Amino acid sequence: MGALRDLQRISFEAYLALEEKGQVRHELLDGLLYAMAGTTLVHNRICRNLVVLLQQQARGSGCEVFFADVKLRVDFQTAYYPDVLVCCQPENHAQYVEHPCLVVEVLSRNTEIVDRREKLAKYRQIPSLRAYVLVDSLSRRVEAYYREGQHWLYLDVAGEGSVPIPCPEMSLNLDEIYEGVEVPYERPTDEA
């Protein structure tokens, strides 16, 4: 039987150096590295639609839209690569951002649990964050968490409708989010 090994935590600075040289992207959670999975065409199309819609509204507002390969530093030992994020205040680092007002994750079977639990808990700790939006890639459904003072409000929109976005101030219609994307109105069930 093999011996159990201690997990080796790394510093944020060591993580940045590794990511700069590496060919595989990693997220950093409490000092531990986790390799990132690839995405599907549906995931990519949804992200593209979101970036285009957000960028059209952000133009001239002082907000900046980032996606895919931009790291978000959540705390001194945690960094993620959100699918889409918006920052409306200046960022002072060349390799990552720290002050998003909006974070969007596109859910997939492989990432959904992490996005709903771990990332939700971590993102809610970011003082500048005003909304965390989850977009389903398996059905037409968008869920959003909004900061209201010390509390968070939850919104669930499925099938038809729109989702308010606080920064840049706008509304995202599900038809626009899912334009060119074939997903059912309801999430397919797994059969045993």
N, C-alpha and C. Protein backbone atom coordinates (compact mmCIF):
# COMPACT_ATOMS: atom_id res chain seq x y z
N MET A 1 0.85 -1.18 0.00
CA MET A 1 0.00 0.00 0.00
C MET A 1 0.89 1.23 0.00
N GLY A 2 0.55 2.21 -0.83
CA GLY A 2 1.36 3.42 -0.93
C GLY A 2 1.15 4.32 0.27
N ALA A 3 2.16 5.11 0.57
CA ALA A 3 2.07 6.06 1.69
C ALA A 3 1.28 7.28 1.26
N LEU A 4 0.52 7.84 2.18
CA LEU A 4 -0.19 9.08 1.91
C LEU A 4 0.80 10.23 1.87
N ARG A 5 0.63 11.11 0.90
CA ARG A 5 1.52 12.26 0.79
C ARG A 5 0.78 13.52 1.22
N ASP A 6 1.52 14.43 1.83
CA ASP A 6 0.94 15.73 2.16
C ASP A 6 0.75 16.52 0.87
N LEU A 7 -0.37 17.19 0.77
CA LEU A 7 -0.59 18.06 -0.37
C LEU A 7 0.29 19.29 -0.20
N GLN A 8 0.98 19.66 -1.24
CA GLN A 8 1.89 20.80 -1.18
C GLN A 8 1.18 22.07 -1.63
N ARG A 9 1.05 22.99 -0.71
CA ARG A 9 0.46 24.28 -1.04
C ARG A 9 1.54 25.18 -1.62
N ILE A 10 1.11 26.05 -2.54
CA ILE A 10 2.06 27.00 -3.12
C ILE A 10 1.54 28.42 -2.87
N SER A 11 2.45 29.35 -2.94
CA SER A 11 2.09 30.76 -2.76
C SER A 11 1.43 31.29 -4.03
N PHE A 12 0.77 32.42 -3.91
CA PHE A 12 0.15 33.05 -5.07
C PHE A 12 1.22 33.45 -6.09
N GLU A 13 2.36 33.91 -5.63
CA GLU A 13 3.45 34.31 -6.53
C GLU A 13 3.98 33.10 -7.30
N ALA A 14 4.14 31.95 -6.63
CA ALA A 14 4.58 30.73 -7.31
C ALA A 14 3.54 30.28 -8.33
N TYR A 15 2.28 30.43 -7.98
CA TYR A 15 1.18 30.10 -8.90
C TYR A 15 1.27 30.96 -10.16
N LEU A 16 1.46 32.27 -10.01
CA LEU A 16 1.57 33.15 -11.17
C LEU A 16 2.73 32.75 -12.07
N ALA A 17 3.87 32.41 -11.47
CA ALA A 17 5.04 31.99 -12.25
C ALA A 17 4.74 30.69 -13.00
N LEU A 18 4.08 29.76 -12.36
CA LEU A 18 3.74 28.49 -13.00
C LEU A 18 2.78 28.72 -14.17
N GLU A 19 1.77 29.55 -13.96
CA GLU A 19 0.80 29.81 -15.02
C GLU A 19 1.42 30.52 -16.21
N GLU A 20 2.39 31.37 -15.94
CA GLU A 20 3.04 32.10 -17.03
C GLU A 20 3.82 31.16 -17.95
N LYS A 21 4.41 30.11 -17.38
CA LYS A 21 5.23 29.17 -18.16
C LYS A 21 4.45 27.96 -18.64
N GLY A 22 3.38 27.60 -17.94
CA GLY A 22 2.70 26.34 -18.18
C GLY A 22 1.86 26.32 -19.44
N GLN A 23 1.62 25.10 -19.92
CA GLN A 23 0.76 24.90 -21.08
C GLN A 23 -0.65 24.50 -20.66
N VAL A 24 -0.81 24.08 -19.42
CA VAL A 24 -2.11 23.72 -18.87
C VAL A 24 -2.48 24.78 -17.85
N ARG A 25 -3.71 25.29 -17.94
CA ARG A 25 -4.16 26.28 -16.96
C ARG A 25 -4.62 25.58 -15.69
N HIS A 26 -4.38 26.27 -14.58
CA HIS A 26 -4.79 25.76 -13.27
C HIS A 26 -5.55 26.84 -12.51
N GLU A 27 -6.45 26.40 -11.67
CA GLU A 27 -7.04 27.31 -10.70
C GLU A 27 -6.38 27.01 -9.36
N LEU A 28 -6.32 28.00 -8.52
CA LEU A 28 -5.67 27.87 -7.21
C LEU A 28 -6.74 28.01 -6.14
N LEU A 29 -6.89 26.99 -5.32
CA LEU A 29 -7.87 27.03 -4.23
C LEU A 29 -7.16 26.78 -2.92
N ASP A 30 -7.12 27.80 -2.10
CA ASP A 30 -6.47 27.70 -0.79
C ASP A 30 -5.05 27.14 -0.90
N GLY A 31 -4.33 27.59 -1.94
CA GLY A 31 -2.93 27.20 -2.12
C GLY A 31 -2.71 25.90 -2.87
N LEU A 32 -3.79 25.21 -3.27
CA LEU A 32 -3.67 23.94 -4.00
C LEU A 32 -4.05 24.14 -5.46
N LEU A 33 -3.29 23.50 -6.36
CA LEU A 33 -3.53 23.62 -7.80
C LEU A 33 -4.56 22.60 -8.28
N TYR A 34 -5.42 23.04 -9.20
CA TYR A 34 -6.39 22.16 -9.84
C TYR A 34 -6.36 22.45 -11.33
N ALA A 35 -6.04 21.41 -12.14
CA ALA A 35 -6.00 21.57 -13.59
C ALA A 35 -7.41 21.84 -14.10
N MET A 36 -7.51 22.67 -15.12
CA MET A 36 -8.81 23.03 -15.69
C MET A 36 -9.17 22.10 -16.83
N ALA A 37 -10.46 21.82 -16.94
CA ALA A 37 -10.98 20.99 -18.02
C ALA A 37 -11.22 21.85 -19.26
N GLY A 38 -11.31 21.20 -20.40
CA GLY A 38 -11.63 21.90 -21.64
C GLY A 38 -13.11 22.24 -21.68
N THR A 39 -13.53 22.97 -22.71
CA THR A 39 -14.92 23.37 -22.83
C THR A 39 -15.54 22.79 -24.09
N THR A 40 -16.86 22.93 -24.21
CA THR A 40 -17.58 22.47 -25.39
C THR A 40 -17.88 23.66 -26.29
N LEU A 41 -18.34 23.39 -27.50
CA LEU A 41 -18.74 24.46 -28.41
C LEU A 41 -19.93 25.23 -27.86
N VAL A 42 -20.86 24.54 -27.22
CA VAL A 42 -22.02 25.22 -26.62
C VAL A 42 -21.54 26.20 -25.56
N HIS A 43 -20.66 25.77 -24.70
CA HIS A 43 -20.08 26.62 -23.64
C HIS A 43 -19.43 27.85 -24.27
N ASN A 44 -18.64 27.62 -25.30
CA ASN A 44 -17.93 28.72 -25.96
C ASN A 44 -18.90 29.69 -26.63
N ARG A 45 -19.94 29.19 -27.25
CA ARG A 45 -20.91 30.07 -27.91
C ARG A 45 -21.65 30.94 -26.89
N ILE A 46 -22.02 30.35 -25.76
CA ILE A 46 -22.69 31.13 -24.71
C ILE A 46 -21.76 32.22 -24.20
N CYS A 47 -20.50 31.88 -23.94
CA CYS A 47 -19.52 32.88 -23.47
C CYS A 47 -19.35 33.99 -24.50
N ARG A 48 -19.25 33.62 -25.76
CA ARG A 48 -19.11 34.63 -26.83
C ARG A 48 -20.29 35.58 -26.82
N ASN A 49 -21.50 35.04 -26.74
CA ASN A 49 -22.69 35.89 -26.72
C ASN A 49 -22.67 36.84 -25.54
N LEU A 50 -22.31 36.33 -24.37
CA LEU A 50 -22.26 37.17 -23.18
C LEU A 50 -21.24 38.30 -23.32
N VAL A 51 -20.06 37.97 -23.82
CA VAL A 51 -19.01 38.98 -23.99
C VAL A 51 -19.47 40.07 -24.95
N VAL A 52 -20.06 39.69 -26.06
CA VAL A 52 -20.52 40.67 -27.04
C VAL A 52 -21.59 41.58 -26.43
N LEU A 53 -22.57 41.00 -25.76
CA LEU A 53 -23.65 41.79 -25.16
C LEU A 53 -23.13 42.72 -24.08
N LEU A 54 -22.28 42.20 -23.21
CA LEU A 54 -21.73 43.03 -22.13
C LEU A 54 -20.83 44.13 -22.68
N GLN A 55 -20.01 43.81 -23.68
CA GLN A 55 -19.09 44.80 -24.24
C GLN A 55 -19.84 45.93 -24.93
N GLN A 56 -20.93 45.60 -25.62
CA GLN A 56 -21.72 46.65 -26.27
C GLN A 56 -22.22 47.67 -25.25
N GLN A 57 -22.65 47.19 -24.09
CA GLN A 57 -23.17 48.08 -23.06
C GLN A 57 -22.04 48.77 -22.29
N ALA A 58 -20.91 48.08 -22.12
CA ALA A 58 -19.80 48.62 -21.33
C ALA A 58 -19.05 49.72 -22.05
N ARG A 59 -19.09 49.73 -23.36
CA ARG A 59 -18.35 50.70 -24.14
C ARG A 59 -18.65 52.12 -23.66
N GLY A 60 -17.61 52.83 -23.27
CA GLY A 60 -17.75 54.21 -22.83
C GLY A 60 -18.20 54.39 -21.39
N SER A 61 -18.40 53.29 -20.67
CA SER A 61 -18.91 53.38 -19.29
C SER A 61 -17.81 53.36 -18.23
N GLY A 62 -16.58 53.06 -18.65
CA GLY A 62 -15.50 52.90 -17.69
C GLY A 62 -15.37 51.47 -17.20
N CYS A 63 -16.28 50.60 -17.61
CA CYS A 63 -16.21 49.18 -17.25
C CYS A 63 -15.47 48.42 -18.35
N GLU A 64 -14.83 47.34 -17.94
CA GLU A 64 -14.08 46.51 -18.89
C GLU A 64 -14.52 45.07 -18.76
N VAL A 65 -14.73 44.39 -19.90
CA VAL A 65 -15.17 43.00 -19.93
C VAL A 65 -13.96 42.11 -20.19
N PHE A 66 -13.81 41.08 -19.36
CA PHE A 66 -12.73 40.10 -19.52
C PHE A 66 -13.36 38.72 -19.67
N PHE A 67 -12.61 37.79 -20.28
CA PHE A 67 -13.13 36.43 -20.45
C PHE A 67 -11.98 35.43 -20.60
N ALA A 68 -12.32 34.18 -20.41
CA ALA A 68 -11.51 33.00 -20.68
C ALA A 68 -10.18 32.93 -19.94
N ASP A 69 -9.17 33.62 -20.39
CA ASP A 69 -7.81 33.44 -19.87
C ASP A 69 -7.40 34.48 -18.85
N VAL A 70 -8.33 35.19 -18.27
CA VAL A 70 -7.99 36.20 -17.27
C VAL A 70 -8.24 35.64 -15.87
N LYS A 71 -7.21 35.70 -15.06
CA LYS A 71 -7.29 35.20 -13.69
C LYS A 71 -7.96 36.23 -12.79
N LEU A 72 -8.77 35.72 -11.86
CA LEU A 72 -9.38 36.54 -10.82
C LEU A 72 -8.80 36.11 -9.49
N ARG A 73 -8.09 37.03 -8.84
CA ARG A 73 -7.55 36.74 -7.51
C ARG A 73 -8.65 37.01 -6.50
N VAL A 74 -9.05 35.96 -5.79
CA VAL A 74 -10.13 36.07 -4.82
C VAL A 74 -9.58 36.41 -3.45
N ASP A 75 -8.50 35.77 -3.07
CA ASP A 75 -7.82 36.06 -1.80
C ASP A 75 -6.34 35.70 -1.97
N PHE A 76 -5.58 35.71 -0.89
CA PHE A 76 -4.13 35.53 -1.02
C PHE A 76 -3.72 34.12 -1.41
N GLN A 77 -4.65 33.15 -1.44
CA GLN A 77 -4.32 31.79 -1.85
C GLN A 77 -5.32 31.20 -2.84
N THR A 78 -6.17 32.03 -3.45
CA THR A 78 -7.19 31.51 -4.35
C THR A 78 -7.30 32.38 -5.60
N ALA A 79 -7.31 31.71 -6.75
CA ALA A 79 -7.50 32.39 -8.03
C ALA A 79 -8.25 31.47 -8.98
N TYR A 80 -9.18 32.05 -9.71
CA TYR A 80 -9.96 31.30 -10.69
C TYR A 80 -9.85 31.96 -12.05
N TYR A 81 -10.29 31.23 -13.07
CA TYR A 81 -10.45 31.75 -14.42
C TYR A 81 -11.95 31.79 -14.71
N PRO A 82 -12.65 32.83 -14.32
CA PRO A 82 -14.09 32.88 -14.61
C PRO A 82 -14.32 32.93 -16.12
N ASP A 83 -15.50 32.47 -16.53
CA ASP A 83 -15.81 32.50 -17.96
C ASP A 83 -15.91 33.93 -18.46
N VAL A 84 -16.59 34.79 -17.71
CA VAL A 84 -16.72 36.20 -18.08
C VAL A 84 -16.72 37.01 -16.79
N LEU A 85 -16.07 38.17 -16.80
CA LEU A 85 -16.14 39.07 -15.67
C LEU A 85 -16.07 40.50 -16.14
N VAL A 86 -16.64 41.37 -15.32
CA VAL A 86 -16.65 42.80 -15.62
C VAL A 86 -16.03 43.53 -14.44
N CYS A 87 -15.11 44.46 -14.75
CA CYS A 87 -14.49 45.31 -13.74
C CYS A 87 -14.80 46.76 -14.09
N CYS A 88 -15.25 47.52 -13.11
CA CYS A 88 -15.58 48.93 -13.35
C CYS A 88 -14.68 49.86 -12.56
N GLN A 89 -13.60 49.33 -12.01
CA GLN A 89 -12.60 50.18 -11.38
C GLN A 89 -11.24 49.73 -11.90
N PRO A 90 -10.25 50.60 -11.88
CA PRO A 90 -8.94 50.27 -12.44
C PRO A 90 -8.31 49.05 -11.76
N GLU A 91 -7.67 48.23 -12.57
CA GLU A 91 -6.93 47.07 -12.08
C GLU A 91 -5.45 47.38 -12.21
N ASN A 92 -4.68 47.06 -11.18
CA ASN A 92 -3.27 47.45 -11.14
C ASN A 92 -2.29 46.33 -11.41
N HIS A 93 -2.77 45.19 -11.87
CA HIS A 93 -1.88 44.05 -12.07
C HIS A 93 -1.95 43.59 -13.53
N ALA A 94 -0.82 43.16 -14.05
CA ALA A 94 -0.77 42.72 -15.44
C ALA A 94 -1.27 41.29 -15.62
N GLN A 95 -1.22 40.47 -14.56
CA GLN A 95 -1.55 39.05 -14.70
C GLN A 95 -2.91 38.65 -14.16
N TYR A 96 -3.60 39.53 -13.44
CA TYR A 96 -4.87 39.15 -12.85
C TYR A 96 -5.67 40.39 -12.48
N VAL A 97 -6.96 40.17 -12.20
CA VAL A 97 -7.81 41.24 -11.70
C VAL A 97 -8.26 40.88 -10.28
N GLU A 98 -8.68 41.90 -9.52
CA GLU A 98 -9.09 41.69 -8.14
C GLU A 98 -10.44 42.32 -7.79
N HIS A 99 -10.94 43.22 -8.64
CA HIS A 99 -12.11 44.02 -8.26
C HIS A 99 -13.27 43.88 -9.25
N PRO A 100 -13.77 42.68 -9.48
CA PRO A 100 -14.89 42.56 -10.42
C PRO A 100 -16.18 43.03 -9.78
N CYS A 101 -17.08 43.54 -10.59
CA CYS A 101 -18.43 43.84 -10.10
C CYS A 101 -19.39 42.75 -10.56
N LEU A 102 -19.01 42.01 -11.61
CA LEU A 102 -19.83 40.92 -12.14
C LEU A 102 -18.93 39.74 -12.48
N VAL A 103 -19.35 38.55 -12.09
CA VAL A 103 -18.68 37.31 -12.48
C VAL A 103 -19.75 36.39 -13.06
N VAL A 104 -19.44 35.79 -14.21
CA VAL A 104 -20.36 34.85 -14.87
C VAL A 104 -19.63 33.53 -15.07
N GLU A 105 -20.28 32.45 -14.67
CA GLU A 105 -19.78 31.10 -14.94
C GLU A 105 -20.83 30.37 -15.75
N VAL A 106 -20.39 29.67 -16.81
CA VAL A 106 -21.27 28.84 -17.61
C VAL A 106 -21.17 27.43 -17.06
N LEU A 107 -22.29 26.90 -16.63
CA LEU A 107 -22.30 25.59 -15.99
C LEU A 107 -22.16 24.46 -17.00
N SER A 108 -21.40 23.45 -16.61
CA SER A 108 -21.32 22.21 -17.37
C SER A 108 -21.43 21.06 -16.37
N ARG A 109 -21.62 19.86 -16.86
CA ARG A 109 -21.72 18.71 -15.95
C ARG A 109 -20.47 18.59 -15.07
N ASN A 110 -19.31 18.91 -15.62
CA ASN A 110 -18.05 18.74 -14.89
C ASN A 110 -17.77 19.84 -13.88
N THR A 111 -18.32 21.04 -14.09
CA THR A 111 -17.97 22.17 -13.22
C THR A 111 -19.12 22.67 -12.35
N GLU A 112 -20.33 22.17 -12.57
CA GLU A 112 -21.51 22.73 -11.92
C GLU A 112 -21.42 22.73 -10.39
N ILE A 113 -20.99 21.65 -9.80
CA ILE A 113 -20.94 21.58 -8.34
C ILE A 113 -19.96 22.60 -7.78
N VAL A 114 -18.80 22.71 -8.40
CA VAL A 114 -17.79 23.68 -7.95
C VAL A 114 -18.31 25.11 -8.13
N ASP A 115 -18.95 25.39 -9.27
CA ASP A 115 -19.47 26.74 -9.53
C ASP A 115 -20.57 27.12 -8.54
N ARG A 116 -21.43 26.17 -8.20
CA ARG A 116 -22.57 26.44 -7.31
C ARG A 116 -22.18 26.53 -5.84
N ARG A 117 -21.18 25.79 -5.43
CA ARG A 117 -20.84 25.74 -4.01
C ARG A 117 -19.56 26.52 -3.69
N GLU A 118 -18.44 25.96 -4.10
CA GLU A 118 -17.13 26.53 -3.75
C GLU A 118 -16.97 27.94 -4.28
N LYS A 119 -17.22 28.12 -5.58
CA LYS A 119 -17.01 29.45 -6.16
C LYS A 119 -18.03 30.46 -5.64
N LEU A 120 -19.27 30.03 -5.45
CA LEU A 120 -20.27 30.93 -4.88
C LEU A 120 -19.79 31.45 -3.53
N ALA A 121 -19.32 30.56 -2.67
CA ALA A 121 -18.84 30.98 -1.34
C ALA A 121 -17.63 31.91 -1.45
N LYS A 122 -16.69 31.59 -2.32
CA LYS A 122 -15.49 32.42 -2.47
C LYS A 122 -15.82 33.77 -3.10
N TYR A 123 -16.59 33.76 -4.19
CA TYR A 123 -16.90 35.01 -4.88
C TYR A 123 -17.67 35.99 -3.98
N ARG A 124 -18.55 35.47 -3.14
CA ARG A 124 -19.33 36.35 -2.26
C ARG A 124 -18.46 37.11 -1.27
N GLN A 125 -17.21 36.69 -1.10
CA GLN A 125 -16.28 37.38 -0.20
C GLN A 125 -15.62 38.59 -0.86
N ILE A 126 -15.76 38.74 -2.17
CA ILE A 126 -15.14 39.85 -2.89
C ILE A 126 -15.96 41.12 -2.65
N PRO A 127 -15.38 42.13 -1.99
CA PRO A 127 -16.16 43.33 -1.64
C PRO A 127 -16.76 44.07 -2.84
N SER A 128 -16.09 44.07 -3.98
CA SER A 128 -16.57 44.81 -5.15
C SER A 128 -17.66 44.08 -5.92
N LEU A 129 -17.85 42.78 -5.67
CA LEU A 129 -18.78 41.98 -6.47
C LEU A 129 -20.23 42.36 -6.17
N ARG A 130 -20.95 42.67 -7.23
CA ARG A 130 -22.37 43.03 -7.10
C ARG A 130 -23.29 41.93 -7.60
N ALA A 131 -22.77 41.05 -8.50
CA ALA A 131 -23.60 39.96 -9.01
C ALA A 131 -22.74 38.78 -9.44
N TYR A 132 -23.24 37.59 -9.17
CA TYR A 132 -22.65 36.34 -9.63
C TYR A 132 -23.73 35.62 -10.42
N VAL A 133 -23.45 35.35 -11.71
CA VAL A 133 -24.46 34.80 -12.61
C VAL A 133 -24.01 33.43 -13.10
N LEU A 134 -24.94 32.46 -13.03
CA LEU A 134 -24.70 31.10 -13.49
C LEU A 134 -25.58 30.86 -14.71
N VAL A 135 -24.96 30.50 -15.84
CA VAL A 135 -25.68 30.25 -17.07
C VAL A 135 -25.57 28.77 -17.39
N ASP A 136 -26.70 28.09 -17.51
CA ASP A 136 -26.73 26.66 -17.76
C ASP A 136 -26.40 26.39 -19.22
N SER A 137 -25.56 25.41 -19.48
CA SER A 137 -25.24 25.05 -20.87
C SER A 137 -26.06 23.85 -21.33
N LEU A 138 -26.89 23.30 -20.44
CA LEU A 138 -27.70 22.14 -20.79
C LEU A 138 -29.19 22.46 -20.92
N SER A 139 -29.59 23.65 -20.51
CA SER A 139 -30.97 24.11 -20.66
C SER A 139 -30.98 25.63 -20.64
N ARG A 140 -32.10 26.21 -21.04
CA ARG A 140 -32.23 27.68 -21.04
C ARG A 140 -32.57 28.14 -19.63
N ARG A 141 -31.55 28.32 -18.84
CA ARG A 141 -31.76 28.72 -17.45
C ARG A 141 -30.58 29.56 -16.98
N VAL A 142 -30.90 30.69 -16.35
CA VAL A 142 -29.88 31.58 -15.79
C VAL A 142 -30.27 31.85 -14.34
N GLU A 143 -29.30 31.67 -13.45
CA GLU A 143 -29.50 31.97 -12.04
C GLU A 143 -28.54 33.09 -11.67
N ALA A 144 -28.98 33.97 -10.79
CA ALA A 144 -28.13 35.10 -10.42
C ALA A 144 -28.24 35.38 -8.93
N TYR A 145 -27.11 35.76 -8.36
CA TYR A 145 -27.03 36.19 -6.96
C TYR A 145 -26.64 37.66 -6.97
N TYR A 146 -27.39 38.49 -6.25
CA TYR A 146 -27.16 39.93 -6.23
C TYR A 146 -26.88 40.39 -4.80
N ARG A 147 -25.84 41.21 -4.65
CA ARG A 147 -25.54 41.79 -3.34
C ARG A 147 -26.48 42.96 -3.10
N GLU A 148 -27.17 42.91 -1.96
CA GLU A 148 -28.02 44.00 -1.50
C GLU A 148 -27.59 44.31 -0.07
N GLY A 149 -26.68 45.26 0.09
CA GLY A 149 -26.14 45.57 1.42
C GLY A 149 -25.37 44.37 1.96
N GLN A 150 -25.78 43.86 3.10
CA GLN A 150 -25.12 42.71 3.72
C GLN A 150 -25.73 41.37 3.28
N HIS A 151 -26.75 41.42 2.42
CA HIS A 151 -27.47 40.21 2.04
C HIS A 151 -27.29 39.92 0.55
N TRP A 152 -27.61 38.69 0.18
CA TRP A 152 -27.58 38.28 -1.22
C TRP A 152 -28.98 37.83 -1.61
N LEU A 153 -29.45 38.31 -2.76
CA LEU A 153 -30.74 37.92 -3.31
C LEU A 153 -30.52 36.95 -4.46
N TYR A 154 -31.46 36.04 -4.66
CA TYR A 154 -31.35 35.00 -5.68
C TYR A 154 -32.46 35.17 -6.70
N LEU A 155 -32.12 35.00 -7.98
CA LEU A 155 -33.08 35.05 -9.07
C LEU A 155 -32.85 33.84 -9.98
N ASP A 156 -33.93 33.19 -10.40
CA ASP A 156 -33.87 32.02 -11.27
C ASP A 156 -34.80 32.28 -12.45
N VAL A 157 -34.25 32.33 -13.67
CA VAL A 157 -35.05 32.57 -14.87
C VAL A 157 -34.84 31.38 -15.81
N ALA A 158 -35.93 30.71 -16.17
CA ALA A 158 -35.84 29.53 -17.03
C ALA A 158 -36.75 29.69 -18.24
N GLY A 159 -36.28 29.20 -19.38
CA GLY A 159 -37.06 29.21 -20.61
C GLY A 159 -37.05 30.54 -21.32
N GLU A 160 -37.81 31.49 -20.80
CA GLU A 160 -37.94 32.83 -21.40
C GLU A 160 -37.70 33.87 -20.32
N GLY A 161 -37.38 35.08 -20.75
CA GLY A 161 -37.24 36.18 -19.81
C GLY A 161 -35.87 36.83 -19.90
N SER A 162 -35.57 37.63 -18.90
CA SER A 162 -34.29 38.33 -18.88
C SER A 162 -33.78 38.44 -17.45
N VAL A 163 -32.50 38.75 -17.36
CA VAL A 163 -31.80 38.83 -16.08
C VAL A 163 -31.17 40.21 -15.97
N PRO A 164 -31.47 40.96 -14.90
CA PRO A 164 -30.83 42.26 -14.72
C PRO A 164 -29.35 42.11 -14.40
N ILE A 165 -28.55 43.01 -14.95
CA ILE A 165 -27.11 43.04 -14.71
C ILE A 165 -26.79 44.42 -14.14
N PRO A 166 -26.13 44.48 -12.98
CA PRO A 166 -25.88 45.78 -12.35
C PRO A 166 -24.71 46.56 -12.94
N CYS A 167 -23.77 45.85 -13.57
CA CYS A 167 -22.62 46.56 -14.13
C CYS A 167 -22.08 45.81 -15.34
N PRO A 168 -22.10 46.39 -16.50
CA PRO A 168 -22.76 47.65 -16.78
C PRO A 168 -24.27 47.47 -16.63
N GLU A 169 -24.95 48.54 -16.28
CA GLU A 169 -26.39 48.44 -16.02
C GLU A 169 -27.12 48.08 -17.30
N MET A 170 -27.78 46.91 -17.26
CA MET A 170 -28.47 46.40 -18.43
C MET A 170 -29.31 45.19 -18.04
N SER A 171 -29.95 44.61 -19.03
CA SER A 171 -30.70 43.38 -18.85
C SER A 171 -30.28 42.42 -19.94
N LEU A 172 -30.02 41.17 -19.58
CA LEU A 172 -29.66 40.15 -20.55
C LEU A 172 -30.86 39.25 -20.81
N ASN A 173 -31.31 39.23 -22.04
CA ASN A 173 -32.44 38.41 -22.44
C ASN A 173 -31.94 36.99 -22.75
N LEU A 174 -32.68 35.97 -22.31
CA LEU A 174 -32.26 34.60 -22.55
C LEU A 174 -32.14 34.29 -24.05
N ASP A 175 -33.00 34.91 -24.88
CA ASP A 175 -32.88 34.70 -26.33
C ASP A 175 -31.52 35.18 -26.83
N GLU A 176 -31.02 36.28 -26.29
CA GLU A 176 -29.70 36.80 -26.71
C GLU A 176 -28.58 35.93 -26.16
N ILE A 177 -28.70 35.50 -24.92
CA ILE A 177 -27.67 34.66 -24.31
C ILE A 177 -27.51 33.36 -25.08
N TYR A 178 -28.64 32.76 -25.48
CA TYR A 178 -28.62 31.45 -26.15
C TYR A 178 -28.73 31.54 -27.67
N GLU A 179 -28.49 32.72 -28.23
CA GLU A 179 -28.56 32.87 -29.69
C GLU A 179 -27.55 31.94 -30.37
N GLY A 180 -28.03 31.15 -31.31
CA GLY A 180 -27.17 30.22 -32.04
C GLY A 180 -26.77 28.99 -31.24
N VAL A 181 -27.42 28.77 -30.11
CA VAL A 181 -27.07 27.65 -29.23
C VAL A 181 -28.27 26.72 -29.13
N GLU A 182 -28.05 25.45 -29.40
CA GLU A 182 -29.12 24.45 -29.31
C GLU A 182 -29.11 23.82 -27.93
N VAL A 183 -30.01 24.28 -27.06
CA VAL A 183 -30.21 23.64 -25.75
C VAL A 183 -31.71 23.50 -25.54
N PRO A 184 -32.13 22.45 -24.84
CA PRO A 184 -33.57 22.30 -24.57
C PRO A 184 -34.04 23.34 -23.56
N TYR A 185 -35.34 23.56 -23.50
CA TYR A 185 -35.90 24.49 -22.52
C TYR A 185 -35.75 23.95 -21.10
N GLU A 186 -35.76 22.63 -20.97
CA GLU A 186 -35.58 22.02 -19.67
C GLU A 186 -34.34 21.14 -19.73
N ARG A 187 -33.69 21.04 -18.58
CA ARG A 187 -32.46 20.24 -18.48
C ARG A 187 -32.79 18.77 -18.71
N PRO A 188 -32.00 18.10 -19.59
CA PRO A 188 -32.22 16.66 -19.79
C PRO A 188 -31.95 15.88 -18.51
N THR A 189 -32.72 14.85 -18.28
CA THR A 189 -32.50 14.02 -17.08
C THR A 189 -31.59 12.86 -17.46
N ASP A 190 -30.77 12.46 -16.51
CA ASP A 190 -29.91 11.29 -16.73
C ASP A 190 -30.72 10.04 -16.47
N GLU A 191 -30.66 9.11 -17.40
CA GLU A 191 -31.37 7.84 -17.21
C GLU A 191 -30.38 6.82 -16.72
N ALA A 192 -30.82 5.99 -15.77
CA ALA A 192 -29.94 4.96 -15.19
C ALA A 192 -29.80 3.79 -16.12
